Amino acid sequence: MPPQTSAQAQAATPTKPTNDEELAAYIKNVYGVTLPNKQVCENHTTPFRAFADAYFARYPVTVWKGSRGFSGKSFALALLGLLEEDTLGCDVNILGGSGEQSNAVIKYIDDWLVIPGVGGKLINDAQTVKRFDNGNEIKALLASTHSVRSPHVPRLRLDEVDEIDIKIFDAAMGIPMSKNGVAKQTVLSSTHQYADGTFSEILNRAALKGWKVYEWCWRECLEPHGWLAQSEVDSKRLEVTWAMWLSEYDLQEPSPESRAINTAAVERMFKRELGIFEGAPHEYIEIEEPYPGATYATGADWARKNDWTIIWTLRTDCKPVRLIAFERMGREPWPVMVERFDTRVARFRPASNHDKDLLAASHDETGIGDVVAGYMKTPGVNGVIMAGRARQDLISNYIAAIERDEIEAPFIKWAEKEHRLASVDDIYGSGHLPDTIAAGALAQAAWVEAAKRQRRAPGVGRWA
């Protein structure tokens, strides 16, 4: 017998799955998807098991905890929502931790809607609302208390819930309600990123309320039983921080007290042979003068209340990049602090680098952008808002570079101590981000941004 065509396979598939076997066959024949269904790690489950239990509403609230980027959570939520609209004939609401996250789920749905017969005929194809001729709709909600106070629907799917404010989460939980024979069901999906964040609270509530928790990591999605290539895992392990890998990929509980940066990497970064310094207030440290043809990047973290102003300059045409100038100042008048930053940028800005598009300099303008802008004389400095996912990515990229031995520095006691003792809570939670780490991350980000503007990868050029 010749193999079935896609159309024949769809025609032979039940219009509404009634058990796990029919469900697996339906999503394979109609959507061309096979969800991984092999448990690898002890106490883990599989993506298909979580998917099936949500579709059949075997538990009113389920929690999905998976590896960042490697567990297919957003993909599975998109498939689940479209399948429910298509086969159960119900409305579905999707709420992401950000607008980008919600749109990513909708993008997956858009890709499936080009398959003939999937989802029904669209009568409204807006970016955030997919309305079909059967009267059902899939809606991506905004992460606001107003948006989540929407009409009741049977199925609510929350993605990257650790990025959702707890007040918005609480408001959203009022949405699900059984309707037209479709049982209400809520999925709370996320990577566990913050030790004291929304997902930690959700896991606490799950234990108290009896919500079903499903965990799976990258191993459950690895080829040949899944879709993930081992090469992707190996590459990502080198890109992210040691602490992030443990919590966001291997699913270990993020401990607020744990060290945020691998201690051995900190020891390798701060080299006594480059000089030993206290890093005391107003101790200007410079281990080499500006070199003709060299490139530099400077970052500044400003003092607020009891913090310190740190100005950190990297030489970026050497490998590893090198901290060559450092200064720590207390809370002083803005003109004084900004003038020190202007002077540093001007000193380590060779004549060939006067084009503002080539300038590599950043400062933290969170809450004080207008104040600093009024005093700063250097045009083209990049102001960075250190908040949310952008802040986390900025710091994580810096820490990952340290752990890959891409940055070296003289042994500055103050900076070495802050890097060595920084906790996960300091970096990713409610603790105080060490000023030297913030300044170092801003300098590295300035280097990367300048390299992008020059349409070349960071570090291209002469290695010292």
Protein backbone atom coordinates (compact mmCIF):
# COMPACT_ATOMS: atom_id res chain seq x y z
CA MET A 1 0.00 0.00 0.00
CA PRO A 2 1.45 3.43 -0.92
CA PRO A 3 2.08 5.89 1.93
CA GLN A 4 -0.72 8.31 2.79
CA THR A 5 -0.53 11.92 1.63
CA SER A 6 -0.89 14.71 4.19
CA ALA A 7 -4.49 15.32 3.09
CA GLN A 8 -5.29 11.59 3.36
CA ALA A 9 -3.71 11.45 6.80
CA GLN A 10 -5.85 14.37 7.98
CA ALA A 11 -8.98 12.80 6.52
CA ALA A 12 -8.27 9.55 8.42
CA THR A 13 -7.67 11.38 11.70
CA PRO A 14 -10.52 11.76 14.24
CA THR A 15 -11.81 15.35 14.42
CA LYS A 16 -11.45 15.37 18.20
CA PRO A 17 -8.89 13.24 20.07
CA THR A 18 -10.36 11.29 22.99
CA ASN A 19 -7.22 9.72 24.49
CA ASP A 20 -3.45 10.11 24.52
CA GLU A 21 -2.87 7.81 21.55
CA GLU A 22 -5.37 9.69 19.39
CA LEU A 23 -3.90 13.00 20.55
CA ALA A 24 -0.37 12.01 19.55
CA ALA A 25 -1.61 10.79 16.16
CA TYR A 26 -3.68 13.95 15.61
CA ILE A 27 -0.89 16.46 16.17
CA LYS A 28 1.47 14.37 14.05
CA ASN A 29 -0.94 13.93 11.12
CA VAL A 30 -2.48 17.41 11.14
CA TYR A 31 0.33 19.66 12.43
CA GLY A 32 3.34 17.55 11.58
CA VAL A 33 4.53 17.60 15.19
CA THR A 34 5.78 14.82 17.45
CA LEU A 35 6.29 15.99 21.02
CA PRO A 36 9.14 14.27 22.92
CA ASN A 37 7.79 11.58 25.19
CA LYS A 38 10.81 9.93 26.81
CA GLN A 39 11.70 10.61 30.43
CA VAL A 40 15.46 10.87 30.95
CA CYS A 41 16.01 12.50 34.33
CA GLU A 42 14.67 11.09 37.58
CA ASN A 43 11.61 13.01 38.81
CA HIS A 44 11.14 14.66 35.41
CA THR A 45 8.22 14.16 33.06
CA THR A 46 7.93 14.66 29.30
CA PRO A 47 6.57 17.50 27.16
CA PHE A 48 3.87 15.24 25.74
CA ARG A 49 2.64 14.18 29.20
CA ALA A 50 2.28 17.81 30.29
CA PHE A 51 0.61 18.69 26.97
CA ALA A 52 -1.90 15.82 27.09
CA ASP A 53 -2.92 16.42 30.69
CA ALA A 54 -3.54 20.10 29.93
CA TYR A 55 -5.54 19.37 26.75
CA PHE A 56 -7.80 16.85 28.50
CA ALA A 57 -8.02 19.14 31.59
CA ARG A 58 -7.05 16.33 33.92
CA TYR A 59 -6.02 18.99 36.44
CA PRO A 60 -7.53 22.50 36.57
CA VAL A 61 -4.11 24.18 37.04
CA THR A 62 -0.80 22.77 35.84
CA VAL A 63 2.70 24.20 36.17
CA TRP A 64 5.35 23.62 33.49
CA LYS A 65 8.97 24.14 34.58
CA GLY A 66 11.47 23.73 31.78
CA SER A 67 14.91 24.68 30.53
CA ARG A 68 15.26 28.11 28.98
CA GLY A 69 15.04 27.83 25.19
CA PHE A 70 15.64 24.05 25.22
CA SER A 71 12.34 22.68 26.55
CA GLY A 72 10.00 23.89 23.79
CA LYS A 73 7.52 25.40 26.26
CA SER A 74 6.37 28.28 24.05
CA PHE A 75 6.08 25.97 21.04
CA ALA A 76 3.99 23.49 23.03
CA LEU A 77 1.74 26.24 24.44
CA ALA A 78 1.11 27.61 20.95
CA LEU A 79 0.24 24.15 19.64
CA LEU A 80 -1.98 23.52 22.64
CA GLY A 81 -3.92 26.75 22.24
CA LEU A 82 -4.52 26.27 18.51
CA LEU A 83 -5.50 22.63 19.01
CA GLU A 84 -8.02 23.61 21.67
CA GLU A 85 -9.61 26.27 19.47
CA ASP A 86 -9.65 23.86 16.54
CA THR A 87 -10.96 20.67 18.17
CA LEU A 88 -12.71 21.82 21.37
CA GLY A 89 -14.27 24.91 19.81
CA CYS A 90 -13.29 27.23 22.66
CA ASP A 91 -11.66 30.59 23.20
CA VAL A 92 -8.05 30.65 24.39
CA ASN A 93 -6.14 33.46 26.11
CA ILE A 94 -2.34 33.63 26.05
CA LEU A 95 -0.35 35.83 28.42
CA GLY A 96 3.42 36.12 28.07
CA GLY A 97 5.94 37.59 30.46
CA SER A 98 6.42 40.32 27.85
CA GLY A 99 4.84 41.47 24.61
CA GLU A 100 7.67 39.75 22.75
CA GLN A 101 6.92 36.47 24.51
CA SER A 102 3.21 36.62 23.66
CA ASN A 103 4.03 37.50 20.05
CA ALA A 104 6.44 34.54 19.85
CA VAL A 105 3.59 32.19 20.76
CA ILE A 106 1.30 33.86 18.21
CA LYS A 107 4.03 33.53 15.56
CA TYR A 108 4.05 29.75 16.01
CA ILE A 109 0.26 29.75 15.57
CA ASP A 110 0.55 31.82 12.38
CA ASP A 111 2.96 29.24 10.95
CA TRP A 112 0.42 26.43 11.47
CA LEU A 113 -2.53 28.39 10.15
CA VAL A 114 -1.12 28.17 6.61
CA ILE A 115 -1.86 24.41 6.68
CA PRO A 116 -5.16 23.79 4.85
CA GLY A 117 -7.98 23.00 7.25
CA VAL A 118 -6.13 23.96 10.44
CA GLY A 119 -7.93 26.35 12.78
CA GLY A 120 -10.80 27.15 10.46
CA LYS A 121 -11.30 30.31 8.41
CA LEU A 122 -9.88 33.50 9.88
CA ILE A 123 -12.19 36.50 9.91
CA ASN A 124 -9.85 38.72 11.95
CA ASP A 125 -6.10 38.23 11.69
CA ALA A 126 -4.69 40.95 13.94
CA GLN A 127 -1.32 40.60 15.64
CA THR A 128 -2.86 39.93 19.05
CA VAL A 129 -6.24 38.39 18.13
CA LYS A 130 -7.03 35.45 15.83
CA ARG A 131 -10.80 35.26 15.34
CA PHE A 132 -12.31 32.39 13.35
CA ASP A 133 -15.57 31.93 11.47
CA ASN A 134 -16.81 29.50 14.13
CA GLY A 135 -16.88 32.40 16.60
CA ASN A 136 -13.83 31.29 18.57
CA GLU A 137 -10.72 33.36 19.10
CA ILE A 138 -7.17 33.09 20.35
CA LYS A 139 -6.09 36.29 22.08
CA ALA A 140 -2.63 37.40 23.26
CA LEU A 141 -3.12 39.52 26.37
CA LEU A 142 -0.94 42.44 27.38
CA ALA A 143 0.91 42.13 30.67
CA SER A 144 -1.28 44.66 32.48
CA THR A 145 -3.99 44.37 35.13
CA HIS A 146 -6.44 46.04 32.74
CA SER A 147 -5.78 43.60 29.88
CA VAL A 148 -6.07 40.48 32.01
CA ARG A 149 -9.48 41.50 33.33
CA SER A 150 -10.91 40.17 30.08
CA PRO A 151 -14.04 38.05 29.49
CA HIS A 152 -13.99 34.53 30.89
CA VAL A 153 -12.64 31.76 28.64
CA PRO A 154 -12.07 28.05 29.35
CA ARG A 155 -8.37 27.92 28.55
CA LEU A 156 -5.63 30.25 29.85
CA ARG A 157 -1.97 29.74 28.88
CA LEU A 158 0.74 31.76 30.65
CA ASP A 159 4.27 31.73 29.21
CA GLU A 160 7.46 32.78 31.07
CA VAL A 161 5.40 33.55 34.12
CA ASP A 162 8.53 34.39 36.14
CA GLU A 163 8.61 37.66 34.16
CA ILE A 164 4.98 38.51 35.06
CA ASP A 165 4.29 40.81 38.00
CA ILE A 166 2.52 38.89 40.77
CA LYS A 167 -0.39 41.38 40.78
CA ILE A 168 -0.96 40.78 37.06
CA PHE A 169 -0.72 37.03 37.61
CA ASP A 170 -3.31 37.14 40.40
CA ALA A 171 -5.68 39.16 38.20
CA ALA A 172 -5.22 36.75 35.28
CA MET A 173 -6.14 33.75 37.41
CA GLY A 174 -9.72 35.04 37.45
CA ILE A 175 -10.10 34.49 33.68
CA PRO A 176 -10.68 30.71 33.32
CA MET A 177 -14.28 29.46 33.45
CA SER A 178 -15.82 26.32 32.00
CA LYS A 179 -18.05 27.07 29.04
CA ASN A 180 -20.11 25.10 26.49
CA GLY A 181 -18.93 21.78 27.84
CA VAL A 182 -15.22 22.69 27.77
CA ALA A 183 -13.62 22.36 31.20
CA LYS A 184 -11.51 25.26 32.41
CA GLN A 185 -7.76 24.66 32.50
CA THR A 186 -4.73 26.88 33.17
CA VAL A 187 -1.08 26.26 32.29
CA LEU A 188 1.61 28.25 34.11
CA SER A 189 4.81 27.79 32.13
CA SER A 190 8.26 29.21 32.85
CA THR A 191 11.93 28.80 33.37
CA HIS A 192 12.76 29.35 37.05
CA GLN A 193 15.04 32.38 36.91
CA TYR A 194 14.56 34.41 40.08
CA ALA A 195 15.04 33.00 43.56
CA ASP A 196 12.37 35.33 44.98
CA GLY A 197 10.31 35.95 41.84
CA THR A 198 6.81 35.14 40.66
CA PHE A 199 7.58 31.55 39.72
CA SER A 200 8.94 30.82 43.19
CA GLU A 201 5.62 32.03 44.60
CA ILE A 202 3.72 29.88 42.08
CA LEU A 203 5.67 26.78 43.12
CA ASN A 204 4.86 27.55 46.76
CA ARG A 205 1.18 27.88 45.91
CA ALA A 206 1.32 24.66 43.90
CA ALA A 207 2.46 22.79 47.01
CA LEU A 208 -0.33 24.33 49.09
CA LYS A 209 -3.15 24.09 46.54
CA GLY A 210 -2.26 20.77 44.94
CA TRP A 211 -1.50 22.16 41.49
CA LYS A 212 0.20 19.56 39.30
CA VAL A 213 3.86 20.44 38.56
CA TYR A 214 5.66 19.07 35.49
CA GLU A 215 9.41 19.43 35.07
CA TRP A 216 11.55 18.58 32.07
CA CYS A 217 14.94 19.80 30.93
CA TRP A 218 16.97 19.76 27.73
CA ARG A 219 17.69 16.05 28.13
CA GLU A 220 14.03 15.16 27.55
CA CYS A 221 14.18 17.08 24.24
CA LEU A 222 17.54 15.79 23.01
CA GLU A 223 17.90 13.88 19.76
CA PRO A 224 17.11 11.14 18.81
CA HIS A 225 13.95 11.02 20.96
CA GLY A 226 13.48 14.81 20.66
CA TRP A 227 14.29 17.73 18.40
CA LEU A 228 17.33 19.26 20.13
CA ALA A 229 20.84 18.75 18.76
CA GLN A 230 23.69 18.03 21.19
CA SER A 231 25.78 20.66 19.39
CA GLU A 232 23.26 23.35 20.43
CA VAL A 233 23.56 22.26 24.06
CA ASP A 234 27.36 22.29 23.95
CA SER A 235 27.39 25.75 22.37
CA LYS A 236 24.93 27.25 24.85
CA ARG A 237 26.86 25.87 27.82
CA LEU A 238 29.77 28.10 26.75
CA GLU A 239 27.56 31.16 26.21
CA VAL A 240 25.75 31.42 29.55
CA THR A 241 26.99 31.76 33.10
CA TRP A 242 27.74 28.87 35.37
CA ALA A 243 24.94 29.88 37.79
CA MET A 244 22.46 30.38 34.94
CA TRP A 245 23.24 26.96 33.47
CA LEU A 246 22.58 25.24 36.78
CA SER A 247 19.25 26.98 37.44
CA GLU A 248 17.82 27.73 33.99
CA TYR A 249 19.01 24.69 32.03
CA ASP A 250 19.66 21.91 34.55
CA LEU A 251 16.66 23.12 36.64
CA GLN A 252 18.45 23.27 39.97
CA GLU A 253 16.68 25.53 42.45
CA PRO A 254 18.13 29.07 42.24
CA SER A 255 19.64 29.74 45.66
CA PRO A 256 19.86 33.42 46.68
CA GLU A 257 23.02 32.74 48.68
CA SER A 258 24.93 30.95 45.92
CA ARG A 259 27.86 32.69 44.26
CA ALA A 260 26.81 34.24 40.97
CA ILE A 261 30.22 33.92 39.28
CA ASN A 262 32.35 30.81 39.27
CA THR A 263 35.02 31.46 41.90
CA ALA A 264 37.82 29.89 39.86
CA ALA A 265 36.96 32.18 36.93
CA VAL A 266 37.21 35.24 39.20
CA GLU A 267 40.62 34.06 40.37
CA ARG A 268 41.77 33.74 36.77
CA MET A 269 40.38 37.17 35.83
CA PHE A 270 42.20 39.23 38.47
CA LYS A 271 45.91 38.78 37.80
CA ARG A 272 48.48 39.93 40.32
CA GLU A 273 51.13 40.11 37.59
CA LEU A 274 49.20 43.05 36.10
CA GLY A 275 49.52 44.94 39.38
CA ILE A 276 48.04 44.87 42.87
CA PHE A 277 45.88 47.82 44.02
CA GLU A 278 43.44 48.60 46.81
CA GLY A 279 40.80 50.23 44.64
CA ALA A 280 40.32 52.81 47.38
CA PRO A 281 38.12 55.89 46.88
CA HIS A 282 39.77 58.36 44.44
CA GLU A 283 42.64 55.96 43.76
CA TYR A 284 42.98 56.33 40.00
CA ILE A 285 44.42 53.13 38.56
CA GLU A 286 45.92 53.01 35.08
CA ILE A 287 48.15 50.11 34.12
CA GLU A 288 49.04 51.34 30.62
CA GLU A 289 48.85 54.57 28.67
CA PRO A 290 46.72 54.97 25.53
CA TYR A 291 48.31 53.04 22.70
CA PRO A 292 48.17 54.34 19.10
CA GLY A 293 45.70 52.29 17.08
CA ALA A 294 44.29 50.49 20.12
CA THR A 295 40.54 50.44 20.85
CA TYR A 296 38.84 51.00 24.18
CA ALA A 297 35.44 50.79 25.86
CA THR A 298 34.37 52.64 29.01
CA GLY A 299 31.44 52.04 31.32
CA ALA A 300 30.21 54.08 34.27
CA ASP A 301 27.91 53.10 37.13
CA TRP A 302 26.87 56.20 39.09
CA ALA A 303 26.72 56.55 42.86
CA ARG A 304 23.24 56.77 44.33
CA LYS A 305 22.77 57.28 48.08
CA ASN A 306 25.36 54.88 49.58
CA ASP A 307 26.67 53.42 46.29
CA TRP A 308 29.96 54.14 44.55
CA THR A 309 30.61 55.63 41.15
CA ILE A 310 32.80 53.22 39.20
CA ILE A 311 34.44 54.14 35.89
CA TRP A 312 35.83 51.08 34.14
CA THR A 313 37.85 51.12 30.89
CA LEU A 314 38.68 48.05 28.83
CA ARG A 315 41.24 47.73 26.09
CA THR A 316 39.35 45.75 23.46
CA ASP A 317 41.88 45.01 20.72
CA CYS A 318 43.69 42.45 22.86
CA LYS A 319 42.74 38.92 23.77
CA PRO A 320 41.58 38.60 26.45
CA VAL A 321 40.27 42.16 26.70
CA ARG A 322 41.96 43.97 29.57
CA LEU A 323 40.88 46.36 32.29
CA ILE A 324 43.45 49.14 31.99
CA ALA A 325 41.88 52.04 33.93
CA PHE A 326 39.69 52.08 37.04
CA GLU A 327 38.42 54.64 39.52
CA ARG A 328 36.02 54.52 42.45
CA MET A 329 34.33 57.67 43.78
CA GLY A 330 31.72 58.29 46.45
CA ARG A 331 28.47 60.21 46.13
CA GLU A 332 29.74 63.56 44.85
CA PRO A 333 28.18 66.43 42.88
CA TRP A 334 27.05 65.33 39.44
CA PRO A 335 29.34 67.75 37.58
CA VAL A 336 32.36 66.23 39.34
CA MET A 337 31.47 62.62 38.58
CA VAL A 338 30.43 63.25 34.99
CA GLU A 339 33.60 65.29 34.33
CA ARG A 340 35.72 62.33 35.44
CA PHE A 341 33.85 60.12 32.98
CA ASP A 342 34.25 62.64 30.12
CA THR A 343 37.97 62.89 30.87
CA ARG A 344 38.40 59.10 30.83
CA VAL A 345 36.57 58.67 27.54
CA ALA A 346 38.60 61.45 25.95
CA ARG A 347 41.90 60.01 27.17
CA PHE A 348 41.22 56.52 25.81
CA ARG A 349 39.83 57.63 22.50
CA PRO A 350 42.61 57.76 19.88
CA ALA A 351 42.45 60.36 17.13
CA SER A 352 41.35 57.75 14.61
CA ASN A 353 38.34 56.97 16.79
CA HIS A 354 36.65 60.39 16.94
CA ASP A 355 33.68 59.35 14.83
CA LYS A 356 30.78 59.05 17.29
CA ASP A 357 29.68 55.84 15.53
CA LEU A 358 32.94 54.28 16.70
CA LEU A 359 32.61 55.51 20.29
CA ALA A 360 32.44 52.68 22.82
CA ALA A 361 31.07 54.19 26.03
CA SER A 362 28.00 53.43 28.15
CA HIS A 363 26.57 54.60 31.44
CA ASP A 364 23.68 53.57 33.66
CA GLU A 365 20.97 56.18 33.15
CA THR A 366 18.29 54.39 35.16
CA GLY A 367 16.24 57.14 36.77
CA ILE A 368 18.85 59.86 36.21
CA GLY A 369 19.18 60.15 32.44
CA ASP A 370 18.21 63.81 32.20
CA VAL A 371 20.48 64.76 35.09
CA VAL A 372 23.58 63.20 33.55
CA ALA A 373 22.73 64.38 30.04
CA GLY A 374 22.79 67.96 31.28
CA TYR A 375 26.42 67.67 32.37
CA MET A 376 27.92 65.19 29.91
CA LYS A 377 30.08 66.76 27.19
CA THR A 378 30.86 63.57 25.27
CA PRO A 379 28.37 63.06 22.42
CA GLY A 380 27.19 59.60 21.46
CA VAL A 381 27.49 57.92 24.87
CA ASN A 382 24.98 55.08 25.19
CA GLY A 383 22.60 55.44 28.12
CA VAL A 384 21.40 52.07 29.44
CA ILE A 385 18.26 51.44 31.50
CA MET A 386 19.30 48.71 33.91
CA ALA A 387 15.93 47.02 34.45
CA GLY A 388 14.09 43.81 33.63
CA ARG A 389 15.30 41.33 31.05
CA ALA A 390 17.67 43.89 29.47
CA ARG A 391 19.50 44.24 32.80
CA GLN A 392 19.69 40.50 33.31
CA ASP A 393 21.02 39.88 29.81
CA LEU A 394 23.61 42.66 30.16
CA ILE A 395 24.99 41.24 33.41
CA SER A 396 24.75 37.62 32.27
CA ASN A 397 26.73 38.36 29.11
CA TYR A 398 29.45 39.97 31.21
CA ILE A 399 29.62 37.08 33.66
CA ALA A 400 29.68 34.56 30.83
CA ALA A 401 32.63 36.41 29.30
CA ILE A 402 34.48 36.21 32.64
CA GLU A 403 33.82 32.48 32.89
CA ARG A 404 35.10 31.99 29.34
CA ASP A 405 38.34 33.78 30.34
CA GLU A 406 37.68 36.63 27.90
CA ILE A 407 38.42 39.43 30.40
CA GLU A 408 41.49 40.02 32.55
CA ALA A 409 42.25 42.72 35.10
CA PRO A 410 44.90 43.79 37.57
CA PHE A 411 44.28 42.56 41.10
CA ILE A 412 42.13 45.43 42.40
CA LYS A 413 41.11 44.26 45.85
CA TRP A 414 37.78 46.12 45.94
CA ALA A 415 36.68 44.88 42.52
CA GLU A 416 37.94 41.34 43.06
CA LYS A 417 36.02 41.05 46.32
CA GLU A 418 32.77 42.32 44.78
CA HIS A 419 33.08 39.89 41.88
CA ARG A 420 34.02 36.93 44.07
CA LEU A 421 31.33 37.43 46.73
CA ALA A 422 28.41 38.50 44.52
CA SER A 423 25.43 36.25 45.19
CA VAL A 424 22.71 35.07 42.85
CA ASP A 425 20.34 37.36 44.75
CA ASP A 426 22.66 40.32 44.13
CA ILE A 427 22.73 39.65 40.40
CA TYR A 428 19.28 38.27 39.61
CA GLY A 429 17.18 38.97 42.70
CA SER A 430 16.41 41.76 45.11
CA GLY A 431 19.94 42.18 46.43
CA HIS A 432 22.34 45.01 45.58
CA LEU A 433 24.13 44.67 42.25
CA PRO A 434 27.82 45.31 43.00
CA ASP A 435 28.94 48.59 41.44
CA THR A 436 32.10 47.16 39.87
CA ILE A 437 30.10 44.40 38.15
CA ALA A 438 27.63 46.95 36.80
CA ALA A 439 30.45 49.16 35.45
CA GLY A 440 32.30 46.20 33.94
CA ALA A 441 29.13 44.97 32.25
CA LEU A 442 28.42 48.45 30.86
CA ALA A 443 31.95 48.67 29.44
CA GLN A 444 31.64 45.26 27.81
CA ALA A 445 28.21 46.16 26.40
CA ALA A 446 29.65 49.39 24.97
CA TRP A 447 32.36 47.38 23.24
CA VAL A 448 29.86 44.91 21.75
CA GLU A 449 27.51 47.68 20.62
CA ALA A 450 30.31 49.64 18.98
CA ALA A 451 31.46 46.50 17.20
CA LYS A 452 27.95 45.99 15.83
CA ARG A 453 27.89 49.52 14.51
CA GLN A 454 31.18 48.87 12.75
CA ARG A 455 29.66 45.71 11.25
CA ARG A 456 32.28 43.44 12.68
CA ALA A 457 32.45 40.94 15.50
CA PRO A 458 33.90 42.02 18.87
CA GLY A 459 37.64 41.59 19.03
CA VAL A 460 38.36 41.67 15.31
CA GLY A 461 41.65 43.41 14.63
CA ARG A 462 45.15 43.25 16.08
CA TRP A 463 45.56 41.09 19.16
CA ALA A 464 48.12 42.37 21.62
